Amino acid sequence: MRLFAIRDYRHLFSAQIIALFGTGLATVALGLLAYELAGPRAGMVLGTALTVKMVMYVVIAPLAAAYVDRFPRRTLLILLDVVRAAVVLALPLVTEIWHIYVLIGLLQAASAAFTPTFQAVIPDIVTDESDYTRALSASQVASTMESLLSPVLAAVALAFMSFNWLFLGTSVGFLVSALLILPTRIPEARPSAHTRVRDKVAAGIRTFFRTPQLRGVMALNLVVAAAGSIVVVNTVNYVRDELGGSQSDVAWTLAASGSGTLLAALVLPRVLRRITARSVMVTGAGVLVGGTIAAVVLTTAGLATWTGTAIVWTVIGIGMALVITPTGNVLRASVQPNAIPEVFAAQFSLSHLAWLITYPIAGWLGTNSGFALAWSVLAALAGAGAVGALLLWPRHGGQRVATAPSTHDRPVSRMDRSALSKAA
């Protein structure tokens, strides 16, 4: 494939895969650590920990985008990987619940700076539109392979060792990621069209609010977060307490959601050549709304079975892939090249703001009032987000937002115009 003939992209993609698998192992281990420390209240602990994560993402990501053009991006990415490796190593040592919150805050502050920087590097290395579309799909496949295989690997590992060893796997993953980034030639960030830090932080957010397709993406972020919170936050308590499953069963259930995401991600590149990104993403929103409603039916109608749970979790995984995979193309097609870091950071922050709303509902409301009420609220939010996307993103809405001129700007190319028309 021509995409993987790009040496620097190969290094970055490999780094992404290894770091993702490490993170996947930590996700399973974190849920089990919360269950060990809090038992039936693990959902509340996990919901709080993930809320801390979202606060870091919402606050740190725009600041990182504002300063990224002042530092060598390769050095920054390596440093953040090393920080994440060190923090994860400390997680197995915690003895108090508040220790989890502090370490998760440190870990996710580093991730909040790493992820949007990493995402903004890819279009600077993969400049051809078709190759970039394949890169987005490959990234989604990597993420979904992680969500599918990491729980499976965790389930196998848990048959032979304590879950604390999974954190060691995560730390090793971050260090290997740093080693892969080390020889990569990463171009420095284009100088922003804005000079003041405050303007840089606000620029991406303003772009979202004044661009129809990006307003639609904001609404779709809420749909993804509402459905995804059921899987991420509530799986451990639902499997252990409602279904009477084991630690390995928690991992297998998470793998069911990952299998749905993988299935969708594998077919999407071909679909996106024939159907607009808007159509695919709106369809995904409908799938997610259906998945959340089915989850409510599972828990209210006494249908909590392994088969029913696996089906619902798989449907949610499919819907998430349909919404998330085309998002990068929509973002890239909506702005000038010098604004790409700002808009990617804004999407990172705004999408996690949606998770900041839904994680506490799944964790706190689910623990104190039961899954039925919590999942009903999340289903209502998913429905509201889907309707909002339809209203905010007109069928033919999609214009590039002009940015202030920069010495590094280039005219809108034929490739960019083609990408914009496909995103609409």
Protein backbone atom coordinates (compact mmCIF):
# COMPACT_ATOMS: atom_id res chain seq x y z
CA MET A 1 0.00 0.00 0.00
CA ARG A 2 1.35 3.44 -0.94
CA LEU A 3 0.48 4.85 2.50
CA PHE A 4 2.83 2.48 4.30
CA ALA A 5 5.62 3.30 1.87
CA ILE A 6 5.91 6.60 3.79
CA ARG A 7 8.64 5.79 6.30
CA ASP A 8 7.72 8.42 8.89
CA TYR A 9 4.07 7.43 8.80
CA ARG A 10 5.04 3.79 9.39
CA HIS A 11 6.93 4.79 12.52
CA LEU A 12 4.08 6.91 13.84
CA PHE A 13 1.46 4.29 13.05
CA SER A 14 3.51 1.61 14.81
CA ALA A 15 3.94 3.90 17.82
CA GLN A 16 0.20 4.48 17.88
CA ILE A 17 -0.61 0.77 17.79
CA ILE A 18 1.75 -0.12 20.63
CA ALA A 19 0.66 2.79 22.83
CA LEU A 20 -2.99 1.96 22.15
CA PHE A 21 -2.59 -1.65 23.20
CA GLY A 22 -0.85 -0.54 26.37
CA THR A 23 -3.67 1.88 27.09
CA GLY A 24 -6.24 -0.84 26.44
CA LEU A 25 -4.63 -3.09 29.03
CA ALA A 26 -4.65 -0.20 31.52
CA THR A 27 -8.36 0.44 30.86
CA VAL A 28 -9.24 -3.11 31.87
CA ALA A 29 -6.86 -2.99 34.84
CA LEU A 30 -8.22 0.36 36.05
CA GLY A 31 -11.76 -0.99 36.17
CA LEU A 32 -10.63 -4.04 38.13
CA LEU A 33 -8.53 -1.87 40.47
CA ALA A 34 -11.59 0.27 41.16
CA TYR A 35 -13.63 -2.88 41.87
CA GLU A 36 -10.95 -4.16 44.27
CA LEU A 37 -10.89 -0.89 46.22
CA ALA A 38 -14.60 -0.02 46.12
CA GLY A 39 -16.54 -3.20 45.30
CA PRO A 40 -20.14 -2.42 44.30
CA ARG A 41 -19.29 1.29 44.18
CA ALA A 42 -16.61 0.72 41.55
CA GLY A 43 -18.76 2.45 38.94
CA MET A 44 -18.73 5.66 40.97
CA VAL A 45 -14.95 5.47 41.45
CA LEU A 46 -14.38 4.75 37.77
CA GLY A 47 -16.81 7.49 36.77
CA THR A 48 -14.95 9.99 38.96
CA ALA A 49 -11.56 8.91 37.63
CA LEU A 50 -12.78 9.27 34.06
CA THR A 51 -14.33 12.64 34.89
CA VAL A 52 -10.89 13.80 36.10
CA LYS A 53 -9.55 12.52 32.78
CA MET A 54 -12.08 14.56 30.83
CA VAL A 55 -11.36 17.73 32.80
CA MET A 56 -7.69 17.38 31.89
CA TYR A 57 -8.58 16.83 28.24
CA VAL A 58 -10.93 19.81 28.05
CA VAL A 59 -8.49 22.19 29.76
CA ILE A 60 -5.09 21.00 28.53
CA ALA A 61 -5.75 20.22 24.84
CA PRO A 62 -6.44 23.83 23.71
CA LEU A 63 -3.43 25.08 25.71
CA ALA A 64 -1.22 22.44 24.09
CA ALA A 65 -2.41 23.54 20.64
CA ALA A 66 -1.60 27.16 21.53
CA TYR A 67 2.01 26.36 22.45
CA VAL A 68 2.79 23.47 20.08
CA ASP A 69 4.40 25.68 17.44
CA ARG A 70 6.95 26.86 20.02
CA PHE A 71 8.49 23.43 20.66
CA PRO A 72 9.95 20.66 18.49
CA ARG A 73 6.99 18.33 18.08
CA ARG A 74 9.05 15.14 18.02
CA THR A 75 10.75 16.02 21.32
CA LEU A 76 7.41 16.92 22.88
CA LEU A 77 5.79 13.63 21.85
CA ILE A 78 8.71 11.57 23.19
CA LEU A 79 8.73 13.45 26.50
CA LEU A 80 4.99 12.96 26.98
CA ASP A 81 5.29 9.23 26.28
CA VAL A 82 8.00 8.94 28.96
CA VAL A 83 5.86 10.84 31.47
CA ARG A 84 2.90 8.55 30.79
CA ALA A 85 5.06 5.45 31.23
CA ALA A 86 6.29 6.66 34.61
CA VAL A 87 2.82 7.52 35.91
CA VAL A 88 1.30 4.20 34.88
CA LEU A 89 4.02 2.33 36.76
CA ALA A 90 2.78 3.95 39.97
CA LEU A 91 -0.86 2.84 39.58
CA PRO A 92 -0.37 -0.73 40.93
CA LEU A 93 1.04 0.81 44.14
CA VAL A 94 -2.09 2.74 45.12
CA THR A 95 -3.85 1.87 48.36
CA GLU A 96 -6.40 4.67 48.55
CA ILE A 97 -9.07 5.74 46.08
CA TRP A 98 -7.80 9.33 45.99
CA HIS A 99 -4.42 8.04 44.76
CA ILE A 100 -6.21 6.88 41.60
CA TYR A 101 -7.62 10.34 40.98
CA VAL A 102 -4.23 12.07 41.36
CA LEU A 103 -2.38 9.65 39.08
CA ILE A 104 -5.15 9.65 36.47
CA GLY A 105 -5.01 13.45 36.46
CA LEU A 106 -1.26 13.41 35.77
CA LEU A 107 -1.55 10.66 33.16
CA GLN A 108 -4.36 12.32 31.26
CA ALA A 109 -2.78 15.77 31.36
CA ALA A 110 0.10 14.24 29.40
CA SER A 111 -2.31 12.43 27.05
CA ALA A 112 -4.29 15.63 26.51
CA ALA A 113 -1.15 17.29 25.17
CA PHE A 114 0.03 14.20 23.25
CA THR A 115 -3.07 13.18 21.29
CA PRO A 116 -4.02 16.40 19.44
CA THR A 117 -0.34 17.05 18.68
CA PHE A 118 -0.01 13.54 17.25
CA GLN A 119 -3.23 13.91 15.23
CA ALA A 120 -2.09 17.22 13.74
CA VAL A 121 1.24 15.69 12.67
CA ILE A 122 -0.36 13.10 10.38
CA PRO A 123 -1.72 15.51 7.70
CA ASP A 124 1.71 17.17 7.59
CA ILE A 125 3.32 13.81 6.75
CA VAL A 126 0.54 12.28 4.63
CA THR A 127 -0.31 15.09 2.23
CA ASP A 128 -2.27 13.21 -0.46
CA GLU A 129 -6.03 13.26 0.19
CA SER A 130 -6.68 9.60 -0.64
CA ASP A 131 -3.70 8.51 1.44
CA TYR A 132 -4.85 10.67 4.32
CA THR A 133 -8.30 9.06 4.16
CA ARG A 134 -6.61 5.66 4.34
CA ALA A 135 -4.51 6.92 7.25
CA LEU A 136 -7.65 7.93 9.12
CA SER A 137 -9.18 4.54 8.45
CA ALA A 138 -5.98 2.77 9.50
CA SER A 139 -5.97 4.79 12.70
CA GLN A 140 -9.55 3.79 13.41
CA VAL A 141 -8.81 0.14 12.62
CA ALA A 142 -5.85 0.31 15.01
CA SER A 143 -8.07 1.79 17.72
CA THR A 144 -10.75 -0.81 17.16
CA MET A 145 -8.25 -3.66 17.03
CA GLU A 146 -7.04 -2.41 20.39
CA SER A 147 -10.57 -2.27 21.79
CA LEU A 148 -11.14 -5.81 20.53
CA LEU A 149 -7.81 -7.50 21.23
CA SER A 150 -6.67 -5.68 24.39
CA PRO A 151 -9.57 -7.05 26.44
CA VAL A 152 -8.93 -10.51 24.96
CA LEU A 153 -5.23 -10.31 25.83
CA ALA A 154 -6.20 -9.03 29.27
CA ALA A 155 -8.64 -11.92 29.74
CA VAL A 156 -5.93 -14.45 28.87
CA ALA A 157 -3.35 -12.71 31.06
CA LEU A 158 -5.74 -12.54 34.02
CA ALA A 159 -5.96 -16.32 33.99
CA PHE A 160 -2.28 -16.44 34.98
CA MET A 161 -1.48 -13.20 36.83
CA SER A 162 -2.86 -10.33 38.88
CA PHE A 163 -4.41 -7.41 37.02
CA ASN A 164 -1.65 -5.16 38.43
CA TRP A 165 0.76 -6.64 35.87
CA LEU A 166 -1.38 -5.14 33.11
CA PHE A 167 -0.16 -1.70 34.16
CA LEU A 168 3.40 -2.84 33.47
CA GLY A 169 2.34 -3.72 29.92
CA THR A 170 0.95 -0.22 29.51
CA SER A 171 4.19 1.39 30.69
CA VAL A 172 6.25 -0.71 28.29
CA GLY A 173 3.90 0.29 25.47
CA PHE A 174 4.49 4.00 26.08
CA LEU A 175 8.26 3.54 26.18
CA VAL A 176 8.28 1.58 22.92
CA SER A 177 6.11 4.29 21.38
CA ALA A 178 8.72 6.89 22.37
CA LEU A 179 11.49 4.80 20.80
CA LEU A 180 9.56 4.55 17.53
CA ILE A 181 8.96 8.29 17.40
CA LEU A 182 12.65 9.04 18.06
CA PRO A 183 13.90 8.40 14.46
CA THR A 184 10.81 9.91 12.84
CA ARG A 185 11.18 13.09 10.80
CA ILE A 186 8.35 15.29 12.02
CA PRO A 187 8.07 18.75 10.44
CA GLU A 188 7.67 21.62 12.84
CA ALA A 189 4.20 23.07 13.23
CA ARG A 190 3.18 25.84 10.88
CA PRO A 191 3.09 29.19 12.68
CA SER A 192 -0.46 29.90 13.71
CA ALA A 193 -2.41 32.70 12.11
CA HIS A 194 -2.87 34.02 15.66
CA THR A 195 -0.08 35.48 17.76
CA ARG A 196 -1.62 35.72 21.24
CA VAL A 197 -2.07 32.53 23.29
CA ARG A 198 -5.64 33.53 24.18
CA ASP A 199 -6.52 33.87 20.51
CA LYS A 200 -4.92 30.51 19.70
CA VAL A 201 -6.89 28.78 22.44
CA ALA A 202 -10.17 30.30 21.29
CA ALA A 203 -9.58 30.05 17.52
CA GLY A 204 -10.48 26.38 17.13
CA ILE A 205 -13.58 26.72 19.30
CA ARG A 206 -14.77 29.73 17.29
CA THR A 207 -14.24 27.79 14.07
CA PHE A 208 -16.49 25.00 15.36
CA PHE A 209 -19.31 27.36 16.31
CA ARG A 210 -19.37 29.20 12.98
CA THR A 211 -19.03 26.20 10.64
CA PRO A 212 -22.18 24.14 9.91
CA GLN A 213 -20.53 20.75 9.54
CA LEU A 214 -18.43 21.28 12.66
CA ARG A 215 -21.50 22.25 14.67
CA GLY A 216 -22.93 18.94 13.53
CA VAL A 217 -19.77 17.17 14.72
CA MET A 218 -20.22 18.77 18.15
CA ALA A 219 -23.72 17.33 18.41
CA LEU A 220 -22.49 13.92 17.27
CA ASN A 221 -19.83 14.02 19.99
CA LEU A 222 -22.66 13.93 22.54
CA VAL A 223 -24.20 10.86 20.87
CA VAL A 224 -20.88 8.98 20.97
CA ALA A 225 -20.23 9.94 24.59
CA ALA A 226 -23.71 8.98 25.79
CA ALA A 227 -23.54 5.50 24.27
CA GLY A 228 -19.85 4.96 24.95
CA SER A 229 -20.19 5.78 28.65
CA ILE A 230 -22.45 2.79 29.13
CA VAL A 231 -19.71 0.52 27.83
CA VAL A 232 -16.70 2.21 29.41
CA VAL A 233 -18.08 2.99 32.87
CA ASN A 234 -20.77 0.42 33.57
CA THR A 235 -19.43 -2.79 32.03
CA VAL A 236 -17.44 -3.87 35.09
CA ASN A 237 -20.35 -3.56 37.56
CA TYR A 238 -22.94 -4.79 35.07
CA VAL A 239 -20.97 -7.95 34.30
CA ARG A 240 -19.80 -8.65 37.85
CA ASP A 241 -22.98 -7.74 39.75
CA GLU A 242 -25.88 -8.16 37.30
CA LEU A 243 -24.60 -11.09 35.24
CA GLY A 244 -22.40 -12.66 37.93
CA GLY A 245 -19.37 -12.76 35.66
CA SER A 246 -15.65 -12.93 36.41
CA GLN A 247 -12.76 -10.55 35.72
CA SER A 248 -12.17 -12.28 32.40
CA ASP A 249 -15.85 -11.92 31.52
CA VAL A 250 -15.49 -8.15 31.91
CA ALA A 251 -12.70 -8.20 29.33
CA TRP A 252 -14.67 -10.41 26.91
CA THR A 253 -17.70 -8.12 27.14
CA LEU A 254 -15.57 -5.09 26.30
CA ALA A 255 -14.20 -7.11 23.37
CA ALA A 256 -17.75 -7.48 22.02
CA SER A 257 -17.99 -3.71 21.64
CA GLY A 258 -14.54 -3.66 20.03
CA SER A 259 -15.57 -6.30 17.50
CA GLY A 260 -18.46 -4.11 16.34
CA THR A 261 -16.16 -1.13 15.93
CA LEU A 262 -13.64 -3.21 14.00
CA LEU A 263 -16.30 -4.57 11.66
CA ALA A 264 -17.50 -1.09 10.78
CA ALA A 265 -13.99 0.38 10.43
CA LEU A 266 -12.94 -2.31 7.95
CA VAL A 267 -15.77 -1.53 5.52
CA LEU A 268 -15.87 2.25 5.91
CA PRO A 269 -13.06 3.24 3.49
CA ARG A 270 -14.97 1.68 0.60
CA VAL A 271 -18.27 3.15 1.80
CA LEU A 272 -16.85 6.66 2.14
CA ARG A 273 -15.85 6.65 -1.52
CA ARG A 274 -19.54 6.41 -2.45
CA ILE A 275 -21.41 8.07 0.42
CA THR A 276 -20.82 11.45 2.07
CA ALA A 277 -19.29 11.66 5.52
CA ARG A 278 -22.45 13.36 6.78
CA SER A 279 -24.64 10.42 5.74
CA VAL A 280 -22.33 7.88 7.36
CA MET A 281 -22.01 9.84 10.60
CA VAL A 282 -25.74 10.54 10.92
CA THR A 283 -26.44 6.85 10.30
CA GLY A 284 -23.97 6.03 13.06
CA ALA A 285 -25.82 8.37 15.39
CA GLY A 286 -29.04 6.49 14.68
CA VAL A 287 -27.32 3.18 15.43
CA LEU A 288 -26.04 4.56 18.75
CA VAL A 289 -29.46 5.85 19.76
CA GLY A 290 -30.87 2.41 19.00
CA GLY A 291 -28.07 0.80 21.04
CA THR A 292 -28.72 2.94 24.11
CA ILE A 293 -32.47 2.25 23.94
CA ALA A 294 -31.73 -1.48 23.68
CA ALA A 295 -29.49 -1.21 26.76
CA VAL A 296 -32.37 0.37 28.68
CA VAL A 297 -34.67 -2.46 27.59
CA LEU A 298 -32.09 -5.01 28.76
CA THR A 299 -32.03 -3.67 32.27
CA THR A 300 -35.72 -2.72 32.67
CA ALA A 301 -37.41 -5.72 31.09
CA GLY A 302 -35.43 -8.39 32.94
CA LEU A 303 -33.59 -9.42 29.77
CA ALA A 304 -30.06 -9.13 31.18
CA THR A 305 -28.49 -12.13 29.44
CA TRP A 306 -25.02 -12.74 28.05
CA THR A 307 -26.34 -12.95 24.48
CA GLY A 308 -28.40 -9.78 24.72
CA THR A 309 -25.53 -7.88 26.31
CA ALA A 310 -23.07 -9.01 23.63
CA ILE A 311 -25.44 -7.89 20.86
CA VAL A 312 -26.10 -4.47 22.38
CA TRP A 313 -22.41 -3.85 23.12
CA THR A 314 -21.55 -4.83 19.52
CA VAL A 315 -24.17 -2.46 18.09
CA ILE A 316 -22.76 0.40 20.17
CA GLY A 317 -19.28 -0.42 18.85
CA ILE A 318 -20.53 -0.27 15.25
CA GLY A 319 -22.21 3.08 15.80
CA MET A 320 -19.14 4.63 17.38
CA ALA A 321 -16.97 3.68 14.39
CA LEU A 322 -19.50 5.13 11.93
CA VAL A 323 -19.37 8.49 13.68
CA ILE A 324 -15.71 8.71 14.67
CA THR A 325 -13.90 7.39 11.58
CA PRO A 326 -14.91 10.15 9.08
CA THR A 327 -14.43 12.97 11.60
CA GLY A 328 -10.79 13.66 10.67
CA ASN A 329 -11.69 14.21 7.03
CA VAL A 330 -14.45 16.63 8.00
CA LEU A 331 -12.09 18.61 10.22
CA ARG A 332 -9.33 18.74 7.62
CA ALA A 333 -11.70 19.82 4.87
CA SER A 334 -13.14 22.66 6.96
CA VAL A 335 -10.05 24.80 7.59
CA GLN A 336 -6.88 26.11 6.03
CA PRO A 337 -3.70 24.06 6.66
CA ASN A 338 -2.28 26.47 9.27
CA ALA A 339 -5.44 26.04 11.36
CA ILE A 340 -5.38 22.22 11.45
CA PRO A 341 -3.67 21.93 14.88
CA GLU A 342 -6.18 24.37 16.39
CA VAL A 343 -9.25 22.61 15.03
CA PHE A 344 -7.97 19.13 15.96
CA ALA A 345 -7.28 20.36 19.50
CA ALA A 346 -10.73 21.96 19.64
CA GLN A 347 -12.36 18.69 18.55
CA PHE A 348 -10.33 16.79 21.13
CA SER A 349 -11.45 19.21 23.84
CA LEU A 350 -15.09 19.52 22.76
CA SER A 351 -15.56 15.77 22.27
CA HIS A 352 -14.23 15.11 25.74
CA LEU A 353 -16.44 17.84 27.15
CA ALA A 354 -19.31 15.63 26.03
CA TRP A 355 -17.75 12.70 27.88
CA LEU A 356 -17.36 14.96 30.92
CA ILE A 357 -21.15 15.27 30.92
CA THR A 358 -21.92 11.59 30.38
CA TYR A 359 -19.29 9.88 32.54
CA PRO A 360 -20.75 11.17 35.84
CA ILE A 361 -24.23 10.16 34.72
CA ALA A 362 -23.08 6.62 34.01
CA GLY A 363 -20.90 6.41 37.12
CA TRP A 364 -22.65 8.36 39.86
CA LEU A 365 -26.27 8.07 38.77
CA GLY A 366 -25.76 4.44 37.76
CA THR A 367 -24.33 3.60 41.19
CA ASN A 368 -26.85 5.52 43.30
CA SER A 369 -30.05 5.09 41.28
CA GLY A 370 -29.45 2.02 39.14
CA PHE A 371 -28.63 1.30 35.51
CA ALA A 372 -32.21 1.78 34.30
CA LEU A 373 -32.40 5.47 35.21
CA ALA A 374 -28.81 6.27 34.22
CA TRP A 375 -29.09 4.57 30.84
CA SER A 376 -32.47 6.20 30.19
CA VAL A 377 -30.90 9.63 30.71
CA LEU A 378 -28.00 8.69 28.43
CA ALA A 379 -30.42 7.43 25.77
CA ALA A 380 -32.26 10.77 25.93
CA LEU A 381 -28.96 12.66 25.51
CA ALA A 382 -28.02 10.46 22.56
CA GLY A 383 -31.36 11.19 20.92
CA ALA A 384 -30.96 14.93 21.51
CA GLY A 385 -27.49 14.86 19.99
CA ALA A 386 -28.70 12.98 16.90
CA VAL A 387 -31.54 15.46 16.32
CA GLY A 388 -29.15 18.35 16.89
CA ALA A 389 -26.75 16.99 14.27
CA LEU A 390 -29.53 16.81 11.69
CA LEU A 391 -30.57 20.40 12.38
CA LEU A 392 -27.11 21.94 12.73
CA TRP A 393 -25.46 20.20 9.77
CA PRO A 394 -27.50 20.92 6.64
CA ARG A 395 -27.36 18.26 3.95
CA HIS A 396 -25.34 20.61 1.73
CA GLY A 397 -23.65 22.53 4.55
CA GLY A 398 -19.91 22.63 4.25
CA GLN A 399 -17.73 25.64 3.67
CA ARG A 400 -14.08 26.17 4.45
CA VAL A 401 -13.50 28.82 7.10
CA ALA A 402 -11.09 31.55 6.12
CA THR A 403 -8.20 32.18 8.49
CA ALA A 404 -5.90 35.12 8.84
CA PRO A 405 -3.15 35.09 6.22
CA SER A 406 0.13 33.49 7.11
CA THR A 407 3.42 33.24 5.27
CA HIS A 408 2.96 29.49 5.40
CA ASP A 409 -0.55 29.44 3.95
CA ARG A 410 -1.20 28.03 0.52
CA PRO A 411 -4.25 28.43 -1.72
CA VAL A 412 -7.06 25.95 -1.46
CA SER A 413 -6.00 23.15 -3.76
CA ARG A 414 -8.05 20.88 -5.95
CA MET A 415 -7.41 18.13 -3.41
CA ASP A 416 -8.81 20.31 -0.59
CA ARG A 417 -11.88 21.26 -2.60
CA SER A 418 -12.51 17.59 -3.31
CA ALA A 419 -12.16 16.70 0.37
CA LEU A 420 -14.58 19.47 1.33
CA SER A 421 -17.23 18.29 -1.10
CA LYS A 422 -16.96 14.72 0.22
CA ALA A 423 -17.30 15.90 3.81
CA ALA A 424 -20.49 17.81 3.10
